[in-house]
């Protein structure tokens, strides 16, 4: 058996234990996505024998990851036993840094919301932000009565650019402390849990893939509004980060050459015209900065028919049309989804200003509209962040050592994760498994 390699394009070998872990992951993921499901259906879906599936499912059941749901009736022969994910087999936490607030959720292994919490964020400074996210994590654990050792990991959704799932850049903020801030290692030190940081638009796209349009569309582009605007890309059911983690940075697509200066160093970027920051800039006046304008104030201006905000909507809609047309030309997605922290009334006005879209150059055969509103838009970054540890676990080519603590923090041993070949400390077997291609192993 061989596995997909890294960016060098090579193929890597795998030993017997690695192959077993890969097969366990494949069965677990298939049960998670398609359960309740029988062993025969699992064998057909992922290409292993029924005996192999039976052996693997018994191991997963013993580890508390799957459970027998019932029996499939109405078919010939003995009723087949159905398998589903055991909701209490593990938990994940999702944290989201949004415009002037932080939000957190704790979900079980089946994706059910166990509890949620949010709080205002008055001081937007990196260490104060990390402390607020830590406090939110402790609140979720206390309210849910979930033990720390039962938590598989923490996903953290932040605006800006994230490098290697750990280091955070925020180009909206120009202070030196916002450059390469080690957010994930800091949160690991504070919480004692494995932390994955990711750009908010990518995380929202993961949430949409699991909870929204991703249930009917394999490929889509997610337009995410926060203080700025970003994009997340899902291709054939998998989120795509790009070679350096910057895929989908639509906020820095130039839509007006020579236009307004952008902190990224270019001029005329989409974010300078289509974002909460741009909307606030239209009304803030000379005595405030745009990030000091509350969202509620923007909504009030809109309800009063303020000409400044209405003019912003019309201008923003024209530039957004250009961006959507470019996305369609490059990626040919099933649809473009729009969501994030933009209030519903502002969102509706912006979509109206964007309609009709520019003509598509591609003959479309699908039934989905070209532009769709996200489901549960305001909650998706936190829900997507909670799904991030799971998404990384089953993403092809993801090394399990990516789950080891990034800041040297001692993490609790998790037997359920170890069954899947994931070791939270460097003390696991050498060459721990990667999620890759499947191979039939004797007895597995």
Protein backbone atom coordinates (compact mmCIF):
# COMPACT_ATOMS: atom_id res chain seq x y z
CA UNK A 1 0.00 0.00 0.00
CA UNK A 2 1.09 3.57 -0.67
CA UNK A 3 -0.22 6.85 0.61
CA UNK A 4 -0.40 10.34 -0.77
CA UNK A 5 2.72 12.31 -0.04
CA UNK A 6 3.24 15.94 0.85
CA UNK A 7 3.84 18.93 -1.39
CA UNK A 8 6.76 17.21 -3.11
CA UNK A 9 4.22 15.04 -4.91
CA UNK A 10 5.87 11.76 -3.86
CA UNK A 11 4.22 8.64 -2.50
CA UNK A 12 4.87 7.27 0.97
CA UNK A 13 4.78 3.70 2.20
CA UNK A 14 2.82 2.41 5.17
CA UNK A 15 3.39 -0.40 7.63
CA UNK A 16 0.73 -2.81 8.87
CA UNK A 17 -0.31 -0.77 11.91
CA UNK A 18 -0.63 2.38 9.83
CA UNK A 19 -2.85 0.56 7.35
CA UNK A 20 -5.08 -0.76 10.13
CA UNK A 21 -5.50 2.76 11.53
CA UNK A 22 -6.35 4.13 8.07
CA UNK A 23 -9.02 1.45 7.61
CA UNK A 24 -10.48 2.19 11.05
CA UNK A 25 -10.67 5.88 10.17
CA UNK A 26 -12.38 5.06 6.87
CA UNK A 27 -15.03 2.91 8.57
CA UNK A 28 -15.58 5.46 11.34
CA UNK A 29 -15.95 8.31 8.85
CA UNK A 30 -18.39 6.33 6.70
CA UNK A 31 -20.54 5.54 9.75
CA UNK A 32 -20.38 9.20 10.80
CA UNK A 33 -21.47 10.44 7.37
CA UNK A 34 -23.97 7.78 6.32
CA UNK A 35 -25.19 6.05 9.49
CA UNK A 36 -27.31 4.24 10.45
CA UNK A 37 -25.63 1.88 8.00
CA UNK A 38 -25.17 -1.89 7.83
CA UNK A 39 -21.84 -3.70 7.59
CA UNK A 40 -22.66 -4.91 4.06
CA UNK A 41 -23.36 -1.33 2.99
CA UNK A 42 -20.09 -0.20 4.55
CA UNK A 43 -18.19 -2.90 2.66
CA UNK A 44 -19.69 -1.79 -0.65
CA UNK A 45 -19.13 1.90 0.09
CA UNK A 46 -15.45 1.79 1.05
CA UNK A 47 -14.23 -1.34 -0.70
CA UNK A 48 -13.34 -3.70 2.16
CA UNK A 49 -14.72 -7.18 2.80
CA UNK A 50 -17.70 -7.72 5.06
CA UNK A 51 -15.47 -9.75 7.42
CA UNK A 52 -12.95 -6.92 7.52
CA UNK A 53 -15.73 -4.42 8.25
CA UNK A 54 -17.05 -6.68 11.04
CA UNK A 55 -13.64 -6.85 12.71
CA UNK A 56 -13.07 -3.10 12.46
CA UNK A 57 -16.58 -2.16 13.63
CA UNK A 58 -16.15 -4.45 16.66
CA UNK A 59 -12.98 -2.54 17.59
CA UNK A 60 -14.70 0.81 17.13
CA UNK A 61 -17.66 -0.33 19.20
CA UNK A 62 -15.38 -1.50 21.99
CA UNK A 63 -13.65 1.90 21.93
CA UNK A 64 -17.03 3.63 22.30
CA UNK A 65 -16.89 5.29 18.87
CA UNK A 66 -19.81 3.50 17.19
CA UNK A 67 -22.85 1.65 18.48
CA UNK A 68 -25.50 -0.73 17.21
CA UNK A 69 -28.57 1.32 16.38
CA UNK A 70 -31.08 -1.44 15.60
CA UNK A 71 -31.91 -3.95 12.88
CA UNK A 72 -32.85 -3.29 9.26
CA UNK A 73 -36.24 -4.92 8.68
CA UNK A 74 -38.13 -5.70 5.48
CA UNK A 75 -35.29 -7.48 3.66
CA UNK A 76 -34.60 -11.13 2.89
CA UNK A 77 -32.78 -13.25 5.46
CA UNK A 78 -31.70 -12.25 8.93
CA UNK A 79 -32.29 -8.54 9.73
CA UNK A 80 -28.99 -6.68 9.36
CA UNK A 81 -27.64 -4.72 12.32
CA UNK A 82 -27.23 -0.99 11.68
CA UNK A 83 -24.30 1.01 13.03
CA UNK A 84 -24.22 4.68 13.98
CA UNK A 85 -21.81 7.02 15.72
CA UNK A 86 -21.92 6.94 19.51
CA UNK A 87 -22.62 10.60 20.40
CA UNK A 88 -20.87 10.30 23.78
CA UNK A 89 -17.73 8.77 22.26
CA UNK A 90 -16.05 12.17 22.24
CA UNK A 91 -16.58 15.91 22.09
CA UNK A 92 -15.10 18.91 20.32
CA UNK A 93 -15.16 22.63 21.10
CA UNK A 94 -15.53 25.39 18.54
CA UNK A 95 -14.47 28.97 19.24
CA UNK A 96 -15.18 31.91 16.95
CA UNK A 97 -13.74 35.42 17.06
CA UNK A 98 -16.31 37.64 15.37
CA UNK A 99 -16.87 41.38 15.11
CA UNK A 100 -16.77 42.71 18.72
CA UNK A 101 -17.65 39.32 20.28
CA UNK A 102 -16.45 35.76 20.82
CA UNK A 103 -18.73 32.73 20.58
CA UNK A 104 -18.18 29.11 21.61
CA UNK A 105 -19.97 25.80 21.21
CA UNK A 106 -19.39 22.27 22.52
CA UNK A 107 -20.71 19.45 20.34
CA UNK A 108 -20.75 15.67 20.68
CA UNK A 109 -19.36 13.13 18.24
CA UNK A 110 -22.59 13.10 16.22
CA UNK A 111 -22.44 16.89 15.83
CA UNK A 112 -25.25 17.61 18.28
CA UNK A 113 -24.98 20.92 20.10
CA UNK A 114 -24.43 20.27 23.82
CA UNK A 115 -24.05 23.88 24.95
CA UNK A 116 -23.02 27.30 23.71
CA UNK A 117 -21.90 30.63 25.13
CA UNK A 118 -20.79 34.03 23.93
CA UNK A 119 -19.47 37.27 25.33
CA UNK A 120 -18.62 40.77 24.19
CA UNK A 121 -15.01 41.51 23.24
CA UNK A 122 -14.22 45.10 24.11
CA UNK A 123 -10.41 44.96 23.77
CA UNK A 124 -9.21 43.55 20.44
CA UNK A 125 -5.62 42.74 21.42
CA UNK A 126 -4.10 39.29 20.79
CA UNK A 127 -3.33 38.17 24.34
CA UNK A 128 -6.59 39.59 25.68
CA UNK A 129 -8.36 37.76 22.86
CA UNK A 130 -6.61 34.49 23.79
CA UNK A 131 -7.66 34.95 27.42
CA UNK A 132 -11.27 35.56 26.37
CA UNK A 133 -11.26 32.39 24.25
CA UNK A 134 -9.74 30.45 27.17
CA UNK A 135 -12.45 31.72 29.51
CA UNK A 136 -15.11 30.67 27.02
CA UNK A 137 -13.61 27.16 26.85
CA UNK A 138 -13.71 26.80 30.63
CA UNK A 139 -17.33 27.99 30.68
CA UNK A 140 -18.34 25.38 28.10
CA UNK A 141 -16.64 22.58 30.02
CA UNK A 142 -18.25 23.66 33.29
CA UNK A 143 -21.76 24.01 31.86
CA UNK A 144 -21.64 20.72 29.93
CA UNK A 145 -20.00 18.62 32.70
CA UNK A 146 -17.79 17.09 29.99
CA UNK A 147 -14.40 15.94 31.26
CA UNK A 148 -11.33 17.54 29.68
CA UNK A 149 -10.02 14.12 28.67
CA UNK A 150 -13.19 13.47 26.63
CA UNK A 151 -12.53 16.46 24.37
CA UNK A 152 -10.80 15.54 21.11
CA UNK A 153 -9.70 19.05 20.34
CA UNK A 154 -10.57 22.72 20.05
CA UNK A 155 -11.11 24.44 16.73
CA UNK A 156 -10.61 28.20 16.67
CA UNK A 157 -11.99 30.47 13.95
CA UNK A 158 -10.22 33.82 13.51
CA UNK A 159 -10.16 36.58 10.89
CA UNK A 160 -6.94 37.10 8.96
CA UNK A 161 -4.35 34.56 7.88
CA UNK A 162 -3.37 31.42 9.78
CA UNK A 163 -0.05 29.66 9.17
CA UNK A 164 0.37 25.95 9.97
CA UNK A 165 -2.79 25.92 12.08
CA UNK A 166 -1.02 27.88 14.81
CA UNK A 167 0.28 31.36 13.92
CA UNK A 168 -2.15 34.19 13.36
CA UNK A 169 -1.77 37.31 11.23
CA UNK A 170 -4.48 39.97 11.17
CA UNK A 171 -3.83 42.41 8.34
CA UNK A 172 -6.66 44.70 9.45
CA UNK A 173 -4.64 45.43 12.59
CA UNK A 174 -1.25 46.96 11.80
CA UNK A 175 0.35 46.76 15.26
CA UNK A 176 3.42 44.53 15.57
CA UNK A 177 1.80 42.27 18.17
CA UNK A 178 -0.68 41.06 15.52
CA UNK A 179 2.10 39.68 13.33
CA UNK A 180 2.52 35.92 13.67
CA UNK A 181 0.88 35.69 17.10
CA UNK A 182 1.13 32.03 18.31
CA UNK A 183 -2.57 31.66 19.05
CA UNK A 184 -2.85 27.85 19.03
CA UNK A 185 0.20 27.20 21.26
CA UNK A 186 -1.00 29.88 23.70
CA UNK A 187 -4.50 28.37 23.93
CA UNK A 188 -3.02 24.89 24.33
CA UNK A 189 -0.94 26.14 27.25
CA UNK A 190 -4.02 27.75 28.83
CA UNK A 191 -6.54 24.95 28.24
CA UNK A 192 -4.45 21.76 28.22
CA UNK A 193 -6.28 20.73 25.03
CA UNK A 194 -5.15 20.32 21.41
CA UNK A 195 -6.00 23.51 19.51
CA UNK A 196 -6.33 24.07 15.77
CA UNK A 197 -6.60 27.63 14.49
CA UNK A 198 -7.98 28.40 11.06
CA UNK A 199 -9.15 31.35 9.00
CA UNK A 200 -12.81 32.14 9.77
CA UNK A 201 -13.94 31.85 6.16
CA UNK A 202 -12.42 28.38 5.76
CA UNK A 203 -13.99 27.30 9.05
CA UNK A 204 -17.40 28.68 8.02
CA UNK A 205 -17.09 26.75 4.75
CA UNK A 206 -16.41 23.56 6.74
CA UNK A 207 -19.52 24.29 8.82
CA UNK A 208 -21.57 24.88 5.68
CA UNK A 209 -20.26 21.61 4.19
CA UNK A 210 -21.47 19.67 7.24
CA UNK A 211 -24.59 21.57 8.31
CA UNK A 212 -25.76 23.48 5.22
CA UNK A 213 -25.52 23.50 1.44
CA UNK A 214 -22.72 20.93 1.55
CA UNK A 215 -25.40 18.28 2.02
CA UNK A 216 -26.50 18.87 -1.60
CA UNK A 217 -23.46 20.52 -3.22
CA UNK A 218 -20.04 18.84 -3.44
CA UNK A 219 -18.22 22.02 -4.51
CA UNK A 220 -18.98 25.57 -3.44
CA UNK A 221 -17.32 28.88 -2.58
CA UNK A 222 -18.24 30.49 0.75
CA UNK A 223 -18.21 34.31 1.03
CA UNK A 224 -17.73 35.11 4.71
CA UNK A 225 -18.41 38.54 6.22
CA UNK A 226 -16.65 39.60 9.40
CA UNK A 227 -14.99 42.97 9.91
CA UNK A 228 -13.49 42.21 6.49
CA UNK A 229 -14.54 39.64 3.90
CA UNK A 230 -12.93 36.28 3.21
CA UNK A 231 -13.62 33.13 1.27
CA UNK A 232 -13.61 29.39 1.92
CA UNK A 233 -13.38 26.78 -0.80
CA UNK A 234 -14.87 23.27 -0.74
CA UNK A 235 -13.96 21.03 -3.67
CA UNK A 236 -15.46 17.58 -4.08
CA UNK A 237 -16.47 17.48 -0.42
CA UNK A 238 -13.11 18.55 1.05
CA UNK A 239 -12.06 21.99 2.22
CA UNK A 240 -9.10 23.31 0.28
CA UNK A 241 -6.43 25.48 1.95
CA UNK A 242 -3.98 25.88 -0.89
CA UNK A 243 -0.21 25.42 -0.83
CA UNK A 244 0.34 27.96 1.96
CA UNK A 245 -3.08 28.15 3.63
CA UNK A 246 -4.27 31.22 1.74
CA UNK A 247 -6.82 29.72 -0.66
CA UNK A 248 -10.02 31.75 -0.85
CA UNK A 249 -8.60 35.14 0.24
CA UNK A 250 -11.18 36.88 -1.90
CA UNK A 251 -11.02 40.04 0.20
CA UNK A 252 -7.75 40.84 -1.53
CA UNK A 253 -9.00 40.23 -5.06
CA UNK A 254 -8.52 43.53 -6.90
CA UNK A 255 -11.87 44.72 -8.25
CA UNK A 256 -10.91 48.35 -8.92
CA UNK A 257 -7.32 48.82 -10.17
CA UNK A 258 -5.79 51.90 -8.58
CA UNK A 259 -8.64 52.15 -6.06
CA UNK A 260 -8.57 52.57 -2.31
CA UNK A 261 -5.32 51.55 -0.55
CA UNK A 262 -5.43 48.28 1.38
CA UNK A 263 -3.25 47.23 4.36
CA UNK A 264 -2.06 44.29 2.25
CA UNK A 265 -0.12 46.77 0.09
CA UNK A 266 -2.38 46.72 -2.97
CA UNK A 267 -5.08 49.14 -4.08
CA UNK A 268 -8.68 48.44 -4.98
CA UNK A 269 -9.13 45.17 -3.03
CA UNK A 270 -12.68 43.86 -2.63
CA UNK A 271 -12.50 44.20 1.16
CA UNK A 272 -12.17 47.97 0.86
CA UNK A 273 -15.65 48.12 -0.66
CA UNK A 274 -17.52 45.00 0.51
CA UNK A 275 -17.18 44.39 4.27
CA UNK A 276 -18.56 45.49 7.62
CA UNK A 277 -15.52 47.76 7.87
CA UNK A 278 -16.44 49.46 4.59
CA UNK A 279 -20.07 49.84 5.69
CA UNK A 280 -19.00 51.38 9.01
CA UNK A 281 -16.51 53.63 7.22
CA UNK A 282 -19.39 55.16 5.27
CA UNK A 283 -21.11 56.38 8.45
CA UNK A 284 -18.47 56.68 11.19
CA UNK A 285 -17.61 60.34 10.62
CA UNK A 286 -14.34 62.08 11.57
CA UNK A 287 -14.42 61.33 15.31
CA UNK A 288 -14.48 57.52 15.22
CA UNK A 289 -12.74 54.68 13.46
CA UNK A 290 -14.90 52.17 11.52
CA UNK A 291 -14.28 49.35 14.00
CA UNK A 292 -15.82 51.53 16.75
CA UNK A 293 -19.24 51.52 15.02
CA UNK A 294 -21.56 48.88 16.57
CA UNK A 295 -23.42 46.57 14.21
CA UNK A 296 -26.68 47.66 15.83
CA UNK A 297 -25.97 51.23 14.72
CA UNK A 298 -25.54 50.11 11.11
CA UNK A 299 -28.90 48.31 11.25
CA UNK A 300 -30.53 51.43 12.70
CA UNK A 301 -29.13 53.57 9.89
CA UNK A 302 -30.45 51.10 7.33
CA UNK A 303 -33.94 51.07 8.84
CA UNK A 304 -33.96 54.88 8.75
CA UNK A 305 -32.99 54.83 5.07
CA UNK A 306 -29.68 56.63 5.66
CA UNK A 307 -28.44 57.63 2.20
CA UNK A 308 -24.79 56.96 3.13
CA UNK A 309 -25.49 53.31 3.94
CA UNK A 310 -27.80 52.85 0.96
CA UNK A 311 -25.09 54.23 -1.31
CA UNK A 312 -22.59 51.81 0.24
CA UNK A 313 -24.92 48.88 -0.49
CA UNK A 314 -25.29 49.82 -4.13
CA UNK A 315 -21.55 50.30 -4.66
CA UNK A 316 -20.70 47.12 -2.74
CA UNK A 317 -23.18 45.11 -4.83
CA UNK A 318 -21.47 46.13 -8.08
CA UNK A 319 -18.04 45.05 -6.85
CA UNK A 320 -19.40 41.83 -5.38
CA UNK A 321 -20.84 40.95 -8.80
CA UNK A 322 -17.34 41.15 -10.26
CA UNK A 323 -15.87 38.96 -7.53
CA UNK A 324 -18.56 36.26 -7.90
CA UNK A 325 -18.09 36.21 -11.68
CA UNK A 326 -14.33 35.74 -11.19
CA UNK A 327 -14.86 32.92 -8.67
CA UNK A 328 -17.17 31.11 -11.08
CA UNK A 329 -14.71 31.48 -13.94
CA UNK A 330 -11.79 30.05 -11.91
CA UNK A 331 -13.41 27.32 -9.77
CA UNK A 332 -16.74 26.48 -11.47
CA UNK A 333 -18.51 25.71 -8.16
CA UNK A 334 -22.04 24.34 -7.81
CA UNK A 335 -22.95 27.59 -6.07
CA UNK A 336 -21.57 30.57 -4.16
CA UNK A 337 -22.76 30.84 -0.55
CA UNK A 338 -22.88 34.14 1.31
CA UNK A 339 -22.87 34.29 5.11
CA UNK A 340 -20.98 35.39 8.21
CA UNK A 341 -21.53 38.21 10.66
CA UNK A 342 -23.43 40.62 8.40
CA UNK A 343 -26.85 41.35 10.01
CA UNK A 344 -29.79 39.87 8.10
CA UNK A 345 -31.15 43.24 6.96
CA UNK A 346 -27.76 44.35 5.63
CA UNK A 347 -27.33 40.96 3.97
CA UNK A 348 -30.70 41.17 2.24
CA UNK A 349 -29.94 44.65 0.92
CA UNK A 350 -26.50 43.59 -0.35
CA UNK A 351 -27.90 40.52 -2.11
CA UNK A 352 -30.56 42.72 -3.73
CA UNK A 353 -27.83 45.11 -4.94
CA UNK A 354 -25.88 42.15 -6.34
CA UNK A 355 -28.89 40.85 -8.28
CA UNK A 356 -28.95 40.15 -11.15
CA UNK A 357 -25.47 38.63 -11.28
CA UNK A 358 -23.24 39.21 -14.27
CA UNK A 359 -23.82 36.62 -17.03
CA UNK A 360 -22.06 33.32 -16.42
CA UNK A 361 -19.58 32.11 -19.03
CA UNK A 362 -20.29 28.50 -18.06
CA UNK A 363 -23.34 26.51 -19.18
CA UNK A 364 -24.77 25.39 -15.85
CA UNK A 365 -26.61 22.06 -15.55
CA UNK A 366 -27.40 22.07 -11.82
CA UNK A 367 -30.57 23.13 -10.07
CA UNK A 368 -28.94 25.25 -7.35
CA UNK A 369 -29.03 29.04 -7.70
CA UNK A 370 -25.71 30.74 -8.41
CA UNK A 371 -25.86 32.69 -5.11
CA UNK A 372 -27.32 31.30 -1.88
CA UNK A 373 -27.59 32.50 1.70
CA UNK A 374 -25.85 30.36 4.30
CA UNK A 375 -27.93 28.36 6.75
CA UNK A 376 -27.36 29.36 10.41
CA UNK A 377 -24.89 31.97 9.11
CA UNK A 378 -24.00 33.58 12.44
CA UNK A 379 -23.43 30.23 14.19
CA UNK A 380 -21.50 28.54 11.37
CA UNK A 381 -18.01 29.80 12.28
CA UNK A 382 -18.29 28.28 15.77
CA UNK A 383 -19.97 25.08 14.51
CA UNK A 384 -17.42 24.82 11.73
CA UNK A 385 -14.63 25.36 14.25
CA UNK A 386 -16.02 22.51 16.35
CA UNK A 387 -15.94 20.33 13.22
CA UNK A 388 -12.34 21.31 12.45
CA UNK A 389 -10.63 18.59 14.55
CA UNK A 390 -12.88 15.97 12.90
CA UNK A 391 -12.33 17.41 9.44
CA UNK A 392 -8.56 17.26 9.91
CA UNK A 393 -8.77 13.71 11.24
CA UNK A 394 -10.35 12.37 8.04
CA UNK A 395 -8.78 14.80 5.53
CA UNK A 396 -6.66 12.84 3.01
CA UNK A 397 -2.94 13.26 3.66
CA UNK A 398 -3.30 14.63 7.18
CA UNK A 399 -0.49 13.30 9.42
CA UNK A 400 -1.54 12.28 12.89
CA UNK A 401 1.46 14.10 14.34
CA UNK A 402 -0.42 17.27 13.36
CA UNK A 403 -2.52 16.48 16.44
CA UNK A 404 0.48 16.67 18.75
CA UNK A 405 0.67 19.78 20.89
CA UNK A 406 2.13 22.70 19.02
CA UNK A 407 3.41 24.42 22.13
CA UNK A 408 4.94 21.49 24.01
CA UNK A 409 1.91 21.21 26.29
CA UNK A 410 1.26 17.81 27.90
CA UNK A 411 -2.10 16.64 26.55
CA UNK A 412 -4.31 13.93 28.07
CA UNK A 413 -4.10 10.44 26.55
CA UNK A 414 -7.21 9.63 24.50
CA UNK A 415 -7.65 5.87 23.85
CA UNK A 416 -10.45 6.44 21.31
CA UNK A 417 -8.21 8.65 19.19
CA UNK A 418 -5.35 6.19 19.47
CA UNK A 419 -7.57 3.47 17.97
CA UNK A 420 -7.79 5.77 14.93
CA UNK A 421 -3.99 6.14 14.87
CA UNK A 422 -3.95 9.63 16.39
CA UNK A 423 -1.54 10.28 19.26
CA UNK A 424 -1.73 13.56 21.17
CA UNK A 425 1.82 13.25 22.49
CA UNK A 426 5.12 12.44 20.76
CA UNK A 427 5.19 9.11 22.63
CA UNK A 428 2.95 7.28 20.15
CA UNK A 429 4.29 4.62 17.75
CA UNK A 430 6.85 5.81 15.23
CA UNK A 431 5.29 6.75 11.91
CA UNK A 432 1.75 7.03 13.23
CA UNK A 433 -0.95 6.74 10.61
CA UNK A 434 -1.98 9.14 7.92
CA UNK A 435 -5.44 9.34 6.42
CA UNK A 436 -4.89 8.05 2.93
CA UNK A 437 -5.91 5.25 0.61
CA UNK A 438 -7.44 1.97 1.77
CA UNK A 439 -5.86 -1.46 1.71
CA UNK A 440 -7.31 -4.76 2.81
CA UNK A 441 -5.23 -6.16 5.69
CA UNK A 442 -5.60 -9.78 6.81
CA UNK A 443 -8.14 -9.77 9.63
CA UNK A 444 -9.03 -6.14 8.95
